[in-house]
Amino acid sequence: MANHASAEKRIRQTEKRNLHNRYYAKTTRNAIRDLRNSESKASAEANAPKVYAMIDKLAKIGVIHKNKAANLKSGLAIFINKLS
């Protein structure tokens, strides 16, 4: 357990940040899933910029690593290009 006031504050901050990060990560994962379940190339291309922006924001605020963001975006681009 925390023995100092600063440690207790740090625990409170961490819980709040975890909740915030979990929300954004889950929302982005859902958007990626929806994009991958797209049937038509047109709808996938229309949604891609929004999903890319969400991924970039996660990388910028440190929820995911920048290389993971690049890999996700690359995989989505490959998926979209394979659609007919």
PDB file of N, CA and C in Angstrom:
ATOM      1  N   MET A   1       0.831  -1.186   0.000  1.00  0.00           N
ATOM      2  CA  MET A   1       0.000   0.000   0.000  1.00  0.00           C
ATOM      3  C   MET A   1       0.875   1.249   0.000  1.00  0.00           C
ATOM      4  N   ALA A   2       0.253   2.343  -0.391  1.00  0.00           N
ATOM      5  CA  ALA A   2       0.980   3.605  -0.463  1.00  0.00           C
ATOM      6  C   ALA A   2       1.214   4.158   0.939  1.00  0.00           C
ATOM      7  N   ASN A   3       2.439   4.597   1.161  1.00  0.00           N
ATOM      8  CA  ASN A   3       2.810   5.150   2.463  1.00  0.00           C
ATOM      9  C   ASN A   3       2.940   6.657   2.455  1.00  0.00           C
ATOM     10  N   HIS A   4       2.840   7.266   1.285  1.00  0.00           N
ATOM     11  CA  HIS A   4       3.002   8.713   1.182  1.00  0.00           C
ATOM     12  C   HIS A   4       1.812   9.303   0.435  1.00  0.00           C
ATOM     13  N   ALA A   5       1.550  10.556   0.713  1.00  0.00           N
ATOM     14  CA  ALA A   5       0.443  11.235   0.041  1.00  0.00           C
ATOM     15  C   ALA A   5       0.686  11.297  -1.457  1.00  0.00           C
ATOM     16  N   SER A   6       1.950  11.507  -1.850  1.00  0.00           N
ATOM     17  CA  SER A   6       2.256  11.588  -3.281  1.00  0.00           C
ATOM     18  C   SER A   6       2.014  10.244  -3.968  1.00  0.00           C
ATOM     19  N   ALA A   7       2.279   9.135  -3.264  1.00  0.00           N
ATOM     20  CA  ALA A   7       2.032   7.819  -3.840  1.00  0.00           C
ATOM     21  C   ALA A   7       0.532   7.568  -3.984  1.00  0.00           C
ATOM     22  N   GLU A   8      -0.252   8.019  -3.007  1.00  0.00           N
ATOM     23  CA  GLU A   8      -1.708   7.874  -3.108  1.00  0.00           C
ATOM     24  C   GLU A   8      -2.255   8.693  -4.267  1.00  0.00           C
ATOM     25  N   LYS A   9      -1.702   9.898  -4.446  1.00  0.00           N
ATOM     26  CA  LYS A   9      -2.128  10.732  -5.553  1.00  0.00           C
ATOM     27  C   LYS A   9      -1.766  10.076  -6.878  1.00  0.00           C
ATOM     28  N   ARG A  10      -0.569   9.501  -6.933  1.00  0.00           N
ATOM     29  CA  ARG A  10      -0.137   8.835  -8.159  1.00  0.00           C
ATOM     30  C   ARG A  10      -1.068   7.668  -8.502  1.00  0.00           C
ATOM     31  N   ILE A  11      -1.533   6.946  -7.500  1.00  0.00           N
ATOM     32  CA  ILE A  11      -2.473   5.843  -7.723  1.00  0.00           C
ATOM     33  C   ILE A  11      -3.780   6.373  -8.301  1.00  0.00           C
ATOM     34  N   ARG A  12      -4.270   7.484  -7.745  1.00  0.00           N
ATOM     35  CA  ARG A  12      -5.501   8.082  -8.257  1.00  0.00           C
ATOM     36  C   ARG A  12      -5.325   8.526  -9.705  1.00  0.00           C
ATOM     37  N   GLN A  13      -4.186   9.146 -10.002  1.00  0.00           N
ATOM     38  CA  GLN A  13      -3.934   9.611 -11.364  1.00  0.00           C
ATOM     39  C   GLN A  13      -3.865   8.435 -12.341  1.00  0.00           C
ATOM     40  N   THR A  14      -3.206   7.370 -11.910  1.00  0.00           N
ATOM     41  CA  THR A  14      -3.045   6.209 -12.775  1.00  0.00           C
ATOM     42  C   THR A  14      -4.390   5.566 -13.084  1.00  0.00           C
ATOM     43  N   GLU A  15      -5.252   5.435 -12.081  1.00  0.00           N
ATOM     44  CA  GLU A  15      -6.574   4.856 -12.314  1.00  0.00           C
ATOM     45  C   GLU A  15      -7.371   5.696 -13.304  1.00  0.00           C
ATOM     46  N   LYS A  16      -7.313   7.004 -13.143  1.00  0.00           N
ATOM     47  CA  LYS A  16      -8.038   7.897 -14.035  1.00  0.00           C
ATOM     48  C   LYS A  16      -7.489   7.801 -15.462  1.00  0.00           C
ATOM     49  N   ARG A  17      -6.163   7.769 -15.599  1.00  0.00           N
ATOM     50  CA  ARG A  17      -5.536   7.688 -16.904  1.00  0.00           C
ATOM     51  C   ARG A  17      -5.831   6.343 -17.573  1.00  0.00           C
ATOM     52  N   ASN A  18      -5.814   5.260 -16.782  1.00  0.00           N
ATOM     53  CA  ASN A  18      -6.113   3.944 -17.346  1.00  0.00           C
ATOM     54  C   ASN A  18      -7.522   3.895 -17.913  1.00  0.00           C
ATOM     55  N   LEU A  19      -8.471   4.469 -17.206  1.00  0.00           N
ATOM     56  CA  LEU A  19      -9.845   4.502 -17.679  1.00  0.00           C
ATOM     57  C   LEU A  19      -9.946   5.292 -18.985  1.00  0.00           C
ATOM     58  N   HIS A  20      -9.280   6.435 -19.023  1.00  0.00           N
ATOM     59  CA  HIS A  20      -9.271   7.286 -20.213  1.00  0.00           C
ATOM     60  C   HIS A  20      -8.639   6.552 -21.389  1.00  0.00           C
ATOM     61  N   ASN A  21      -7.487   5.937 -21.174  1.00  0.00           N
ATOM     62  CA  ASN A  21      -6.787   5.234 -22.246  1.00  0.00           C
ATOM     63  C   ASN A  21      -7.581   4.027 -22.722  1.00  0.00           C
ATOM     64  N   ARG A  22      -8.213   3.310 -21.801  1.00  0.00           N
ATOM     65  CA  ARG A  22      -8.992   2.132 -22.163  1.00  0.00           C
ATOM     66  C   ARG A  22     -10.156   2.522 -23.073  1.00  0.00           C
ATOM     67  N   TYR A  23     -10.803   3.647 -22.784  1.00  0.00           N
ATOM     68  CA  TYR A  23     -11.912   4.117 -23.608  1.00  0.00           C
ATOM     69  C   TYR A  23     -11.446   4.382 -25.041  1.00  0.00           C
ATOM     70  N   TYR A  24     -10.380   5.137 -25.200  1.00  0.00           N
ATOM     71  CA  TYR A  24      -9.902   5.486 -26.537  1.00  0.00           C
ATOM     72  C   TYR A  24      -9.377   4.262 -27.283  1.00  0.00           C
ATOM     73  N   ALA A  25      -8.686   3.367 -26.579  1.00  0.00           N
ATOM     74  CA  ALA A  25      -8.166   2.168 -27.229  1.00  0.00           C
ATOM     75  C   ALA A  25      -9.305   1.271 -27.692  1.00  0.00           C
ATOM     76  N   LYS A  26     -10.324   1.095 -26.876  1.00  0.00           N
ATOM     77  CA  LYS A  26     -11.454   0.241 -27.231  1.00  0.00           C
ATOM     78  C   LYS A  26     -12.231   0.841 -28.401  1.00  0.00           C
ATOM     79  N   THR A  27     -12.434   2.145 -28.385  1.00  0.00           N
ATOM     80  CA  THR A  27     -13.147   2.814 -29.463  1.00  0.00           C
ATOM     81  C   THR A  27     -12.405   2.636 -30.783  1.00  0.00           C
ATOM     82  N   THR A  28     -11.090   2.753 -30.727  1.00  0.00           N
ATOM     83  CA  THR A  28     -10.289   2.593 -31.940  1.00  0.00           C
ATOM     84  C   THR A  28     -10.318   1.153 -32.419  1.00  0.00           C
ATOM     85  N   ARG A  29     -10.226   0.196 -31.501  1.00  0.00           N
ATOM     86  CA  ARG A  29     -10.296  -1.215 -31.893  1.00  0.00           C
ATOM     87  C   ARG A  29     -11.624  -1.529 -32.570  1.00  0.00           C
ATOM     88  N   ASN A  30     -12.715  -0.958 -32.058  1.00  0.00           N
ATOM     89  CA  ASN A  30     -14.028  -1.168 -32.673  1.00  0.00           C
ATOM     90  C   ASN A  30     -14.069  -0.573 -34.074  1.00  0.00           C
ATOM     91  N   ALA A  31     -13.467   0.605 -34.251  1.00  0.00           N
ATOM     92  CA  ALA A  31     -13.451   1.239 -35.571  1.00  0.00           C
ATOM     93  C   ALA A  31     -12.633   0.409 -36.554  1.00  0.00           C
ATOM     94  N   ILE A  32     -11.509  -0.145 -36.083  1.00  0.00           N
ATOM     95  CA  ILE A  32     -10.681  -1.000 -36.944  1.00  0.00           C
ATOM     96  C   ILE A  32     -11.456  -2.250 -37.329  1.00  0.00           C
ATOM     97  N   ARG A  33     -12.149  -2.846 -36.361  1.00  0.00           N
ATOM     98  CA  ARG A  33     -12.945  -4.043 -36.643  1.00  0.00           C
ATOM     99  C   ARG A  33     -14.027  -3.746 -37.681  1.00  0.00           C
ATOM    100  N   ASP A  34     -14.708  -2.615 -37.525  1.00  0.00           N
ATOM    101  CA  ASP A  34     -15.753  -2.258 -38.481  1.00  0.00           C
ATOM    102  C   ASP A  34     -15.176  -2.045 -39.876  1.00  0.00           C
ATOM    103  N   LEU A  35     -13.987  -1.432 -39.943  1.00  0.00           N
ATOM    104  CA  LEU A  35     -13.354  -1.204 -41.234  1.00  0.00           C
ATOM    105  C   LEU A  35     -12.978  -2.531 -41.889  1.00  0.00           C
ATOM    106  N   ARG A  36     -12.454  -3.460 -41.099  1.00  0.00           N
ATOM    107  CA  ARG A  36     -12.061  -4.773 -41.634  1.00  0.00           C
ATOM    108  C   ARG A  36     -13.281  -5.601 -42.047  1.00  0.00           C
ATOM    109  N   ASN A  37     -14.443  -5.316 -41.495  1.00  0.00           N
ATOM    110  CA  ASN A  37     -15.662  -6.039 -41.863  1.00  0.00           C
ATOM    111  C   ASN A  37     -16.395  -5.389 -43.033  1.00  0.00           C
ATOM    112  N   SER A  38     -15.814  -4.347 -43.601  1.00  0.00           N
ATOM    113  CA  SER A  38     -16.436  -3.677 -44.740  1.00  0.00           C
ATOM    114  C   SER A  38     -16.469  -4.608 -45.934  1.00  0.00           C
ATOM    115  N   GLU A  39     -17.563  -4.563 -46.650  1.00  0.00           N
ATOM    116  CA  GLU A  39     -17.718  -5.400 -47.835  1.00  0.00           C
ATOM    117  C   GLU A  39     -17.255  -4.676 -49.092  1.00  0.00           C
ATOM    118  N   SER A  40     -17.517  -3.383 -49.166  1.00  0.00           N
ATOM    119  CA  SER A  40     -17.178  -2.643 -50.376  1.00  0.00           C
ATOM    120  C   SER A  40     -15.936  -1.788 -50.164  1.00  0.00           C
ATOM    121  N   LYS A  41     -15.220  -1.616 -51.244  1.00  0.00           N
ATOM    122  CA  LYS A  41     -13.994  -0.815 -51.191  1.00  0.00           C
ATOM    123  C   LYS A  41     -14.321   0.660 -50.957  1.00  0.00           C
ATOM    124  N   ALA A  42     -15.419   1.121 -51.513  1.00  0.00           N
ATOM    125  CA  ALA A  42     -15.786   2.531 -51.378  1.00  0.00           C
ATOM    126  C   ALA A  42     -16.051   2.902 -49.922  1.00  0.00           C
ATOM    127  N   SER A  43     -16.789   2.062 -49.214  1.00  0.00           N
ATOM    128  CA  SER A  43     -17.078   2.375 -47.818  1.00  0.00           C
ATOM    129  C   SER A  43     -15.820   2.276 -46.967  1.00  0.00           C
ATOM    130  N   ALA A  44     -14.950   1.321 -47.290  1.00  0.00           N
ATOM    131  CA  ALA A  44     -13.696   1.190 -46.541  1.00  0.00           C
ATOM    132  C   ALA A  44     -12.811   2.407 -46.759  1.00  0.00           C
ATOM    133  N   GLU A  45     -12.729   2.878 -48.008  1.00  0.00           N
ATOM    134  CA  GLU A  45     -11.914   4.066 -48.299  1.00  0.00           C
ATOM    135  C   GLU A  45     -12.503   5.311 -47.657  1.00  0.00           C
ATOM    136  N   ALA A  46     -13.814   5.356 -47.523  1.00  0.00           N
ATOM    137  CA  ALA A  46     -14.446   6.526 -46.900  1.00  0.00           C
ATOM    138  C   ALA A  46     -14.162   6.576 -45.404  1.00  0.00           C
ATOM    139  N   ASN A  47     -14.109   5.410 -44.751  1.00  0.00           N
ATOM    140  CA  ASN A  47     -13.885   5.361 -43.309  1.00  0.00           C
ATOM    141  C   ASN A  47     -12.415   5.361 -42.930  1.00  0.00           C
ATOM    142  N   ALA A  48     -11.525   5.060 -43.860  1.00  0.00           N
ATOM    143  CA  ALA A  48     -10.103   4.926 -43.558  1.00  0.00           C
ATOM    144  C   ALA A  48      -9.487   6.181 -42.931  1.00  0.00           C
ATOM    145  N   PRO A  49      -9.720   7.385 -43.449  1.00  0.00           N
ATOM    146  CA  PRO A  49      -9.079   8.562 -42.837  1.00  0.00           C
ATOM    147  C   PRO A  49      -9.459   8.769 -41.375  1.00  0.00           C
ATOM    148  N   LYS A  50     -10.715   8.482 -41.022  1.00  0.00           N
ATOM    149  CA  LYS A  50     -11.135   8.623 -39.628  1.00  0.00           C
ATOM    150  C   LYS A  50     -10.411   7.617 -38.737  1.00  0.00           C
ATOM    151  N   VAL A  51     -10.294   6.387 -39.225  1.00  0.00           N
ATOM    152  CA  VAL A  51      -9.622   5.348 -38.437  1.00  0.00           C
ATOM    153  C   VAL A  51      -8.133   5.660 -38.315  1.00  0.00           C
ATOM    154  N   TYR A  52      -7.522   6.122 -39.419  1.00  0.00           N
ATOM    155  CA  TYR A  52      -6.105   6.493 -39.369  1.00  0.00           C
ATOM    156  C   TYR A  52      -5.873   7.608 -38.358  1.00  0.00           C
ATOM    157  N   ALA A  53      -6.772   8.568 -38.312  1.00  0.00           N
ATOM    158  CA  ALA A  53      -6.637   9.675 -37.359  1.00  0.00           C
ATOM    159  C   ALA A  53      -6.734   9.172 -35.924  1.00  0.00           C
ATOM    160  N   MET A  54      -7.641   8.226 -35.689  1.00  0.00           N
ATOM    161  CA  MET A  54      -7.776   7.666 -34.339  1.00  0.00           C
ATOM    162  C   MET A  54      -6.496   6.935 -33.933  1.00  0.00           C
ATOM    163  N   ILE A  55      -5.928   6.165 -34.856  1.00  0.00           N
ATOM    164  CA  ILE A  55      -4.698   5.434 -34.571  1.00  0.00           C
ATOM    165  C   ILE A  55      -3.554   6.408 -34.297  1.00  0.00           C
ATOM    166  N   ASP A  56      -3.463   7.459 -35.116  1.00  0.00           N
ATOM    167  CA  ASP A  56      -2.406   8.461 -34.916  1.00  0.00           C
ATOM    168  C   ASP A  56      -2.537   9.143 -33.562  1.00  0.00           C
ATOM    169  N   LYS A  57      -3.768   9.414 -33.146  1.00  0.00           N
ATOM    170  CA  LYS A  57      -3.973  10.062 -31.853  1.00  0.00           C
ATOM    171  C   LYS A  57      -3.536   9.145 -30.714  1.00  0.00           C
ATOM    172  N   LEU A  58      -3.831   7.846 -30.814  1.00  0.00           N
ATOM    173  CA  LEU A  58      -3.393   6.907 -29.776  1.00  0.00           C
ATOM    174  C   LEU A  58      -1.883   6.879 -29.678  1.00  0.00           C
ATOM    175  N   ALA A  59      -1.211   6.923 -30.818  1.00  0.00           N
ATOM    176  CA  ALA A  59       0.249   6.919 -30.803  1.00  0.00           C
ATOM    177  C   ALA A  59       0.786   8.229 -30.236  1.00  0.00           C
ATOM    178  N   LYS A  60       0.131   9.321 -30.568  1.00  0.00           N
ATOM    179  CA  LYS A  60       0.605  10.628 -30.111  1.00  0.00           C
ATOM    180  C   LYS A  60       0.507  10.765 -28.597  1.00  0.00           C
ATOM    181  N   ILE A  61      -0.575  10.267 -28.003  1.00  0.00           N
ATOM    182  CA  ILE A  61      -0.739  10.418 -26.556  1.00  0.00           C
ATOM    183  C   ILE A  61      -0.119   9.266 -25.783  1.00  0.00           C
ATOM    184  N   GLY A  62       0.473   8.295 -26.509  1.00  0.00           N
ATOM    185  CA  GLY A  62       1.242   7.263 -25.842  1.00  0.00           C
ATOM    186  C   GLY A  62       0.470   6.033 -25.423  1.00  0.00           C
ATOM    187  N   VAL A  63      -0.739   5.851 -25.924  1.00  0.00           N
ATOM    188  CA  VAL A  63      -1.507   4.660 -25.585  1.00  0.00           C
ATOM    189  C   VAL A  63      -0.926   3.446 -26.302  1.00  0.00           C
ATOM    190  N   ILE A  64      -0.546   3.640 -27.566  1.00  0.00           N
ATOM    191  CA  ILE A  64       0.141   2.584 -28.310  1.00  0.00           C
ATOM    192  C   ILE A  64       1.452   3.151 -28.837  1.00  0.00           C
ATOM    193  N   HIS A  65       2.370   2.266 -29.189  1.00  0.00           N
ATOM    194  CA  HIS A  65       3.671   2.671 -29.707  1.00  0.00           C
ATOM    195  C   HIS A  65       3.525   3.155 -31.139  1.00  0.00           C
ATOM    196  N   LYS A  66       4.397   4.049 -31.565  1.00  0.00           N
ATOM    197  CA  LYS A  66       4.296   4.603 -32.918  1.00  0.00           C
ATOM    198  C   LYS A  66       4.496   3.533 -33.986  1.00  0.00           C
ATOM    199  N   ASN A  67       5.325   2.528 -33.704  1.00  0.00           N
ATOM    200  CA  ASN A  67       5.516   1.460 -34.686  1.00  0.00           C
ATOM    201  C   ASN A  67       4.276   0.580 -34.793  1.00  0.00           C
ATOM    202  N   LYS A  68       3.589   0.358 -33.685  1.00  0.00           N
ATOM    203  CA  LYS A  68       2.336  -0.397 -33.729  1.00  0.00           C
ATOM    204  C   LYS A  68       1.309   0.369 -34.552  1.00  0.00           C
ATOM    205  N   ALA A  69       1.274   1.684 -34.383  1.00  0.00           N
ATOM    206  CA  ALA A  69       0.347   2.496 -35.170  1.00  0.00           C
ATOM    207  C   ALA A  69       0.660   2.380 -36.659  1.00  0.00           C
ATOM    208  N   ALA A  70       1.932   2.428 -36.993  1.00  0.00           N
ATOM    209  CA  ALA A  70       2.332   2.308 -38.394  1.00  0.00           C
ATOM    210  C   ALA A  70       1.958   0.941 -38.942  1.00  0.00           C
ATOM    211  N   ASN A  71       2.161  -0.119 -38.149  1.00  0.00           N
ATOM    212  CA  ASN A  71       1.813  -1.464 -38.592  1.00  0.00           C
ATOM    213  C   ASN A  71       0.308  -1.621 -38.789  1.00  0.00           C
ATOM    214  N   LEU A  72      -0.481  -1.046 -37.884  1.00  0.00           N
ATOM    215  CA  LEU A  72      -1.932  -1.116 -38.029  1.00  0.00           C
ATOM    216  C   LEU A  72      -2.384  -0.405 -39.302  1.00  0.00           C
ATOM    217  N   LYS A  73      -1.868   0.791 -39.528  1.00  0.00           N
ATOM    218  CA  LYS A  73      -2.260   1.567 -40.699  1.00  0.00           C
ATOM    219  C   LYS A  73      -1.839   0.864 -41.987  1.00  0.00           C
ATOM    220  N   SER A  74      -0.659   0.267 -41.968  1.00  0.00           N
ATOM    221  CA  SER A  74      -0.175  -0.456 -43.143  1.00  0.00           C
ATOM    222  C   SER A  74      -1.063  -1.658 -43.430  1.00  0.00           C
ATOM    223  N   GLY A  75      -1.411  -2.395 -42.386  1.00  0.00           N
ATOM    224  CA  GLY A  75      -2.273  -3.556 -42.573  1.00  0.00           C
ATOM    225  C   GLY A  75      -3.641  -3.179 -43.097  1.00  0.00           C
ATOM    226  N   LEU A  76      -4.175  -2.067 -42.610  1.00  0.00           N
ATOM    227  CA  LEU A  76      -5.479  -1.618 -43.105  1.00  0.00           C
ATOM    228  C   LEU A  76      -5.392  -1.180 -44.564  1.00  0.00           C
ATOM    229  N   ALA A  77      -4.300  -0.525 -44.924  1.00  0.00           N
ATOM    230  CA  ALA A  77      -4.131  -0.088 -46.308  1.00  0.00           C
ATOM    231  C   ALA A  77      -4.043  -1.296 -47.234  1.00  0.00           C
ATOM    232  N   ILE A  78      -3.319  -2.329 -46.811  1.00  0.00           N
ATOM    233  CA  ILE A  78      -3.224  -3.549 -47.604  1.00  0.00           C
ATOM    234  C   ILE A  78      -4.604  -4.188 -47.754  1.00  0.00           C
ATOM    235  N   PHE A  79      -5.351  -4.231 -46.660  1.00  0.00           N
ATOM    236  CA  PHE A  79      -6.701  -4.807 -46.693  1.00  0.00           C
ATOM    237  C   PHE A  79      -7.595  -4.045 -47.675  1.00  0.00           C
ATOM    238  N   ILE A  80      -7.541  -2.722 -47.617  1.00  0.00           N
ATOM    239  CA  ILE A  80      -8.398  -1.904 -48.491  1.00  0.00           C
ATOM    240  C   ILE A  80      -8.015  -2.111 -49.952  1.00  0.00           C
ATOM    241  N   ASN A  81      -6.716  -2.195 -50.229  1.00  0.00           N
ATOM    242  CA  ASN A  81      -6.273  -2.372 -51.628  1.00  0.00           C
ATOM    243  C   ASN A  81      -6.668  -3.737 -52.170  1.00  0.00           C
ATOM    244  N   LYS A  82      -6.822  -4.735 -51.320  1.00  0.00           N
ATOM    245  CA  LYS A  82      -7.208  -6.074 -51.792  1.00  0.00           C
ATOM    246  C   LYS A  82      -8.705  -6.181 -52.082  1.00  0.00           C
ATOM    247  N   LEU A  83      -9.489  -5.260 -51.516  1.00  0.00           N
ATOM    248  CA  LEU A  83     -10.931  -5.298 -51.789  1.00  0.00           C
ATOM    249  C   LEU A  83     -11.190  -4.997 -53.258  1.00  0.00           C
ATOM    250  N   SER A  84     -12.219  -5.621 -53.795  1.00  0.00           N
ATOM    251  CA  SER A  84     -12.538  -5.388 -55.207  1.00  0.00           C
ATOM    252  C   SER A  84     -13.791  -4.564 -55.358  1.00  0.00           C
TER     253      SER A  84
END
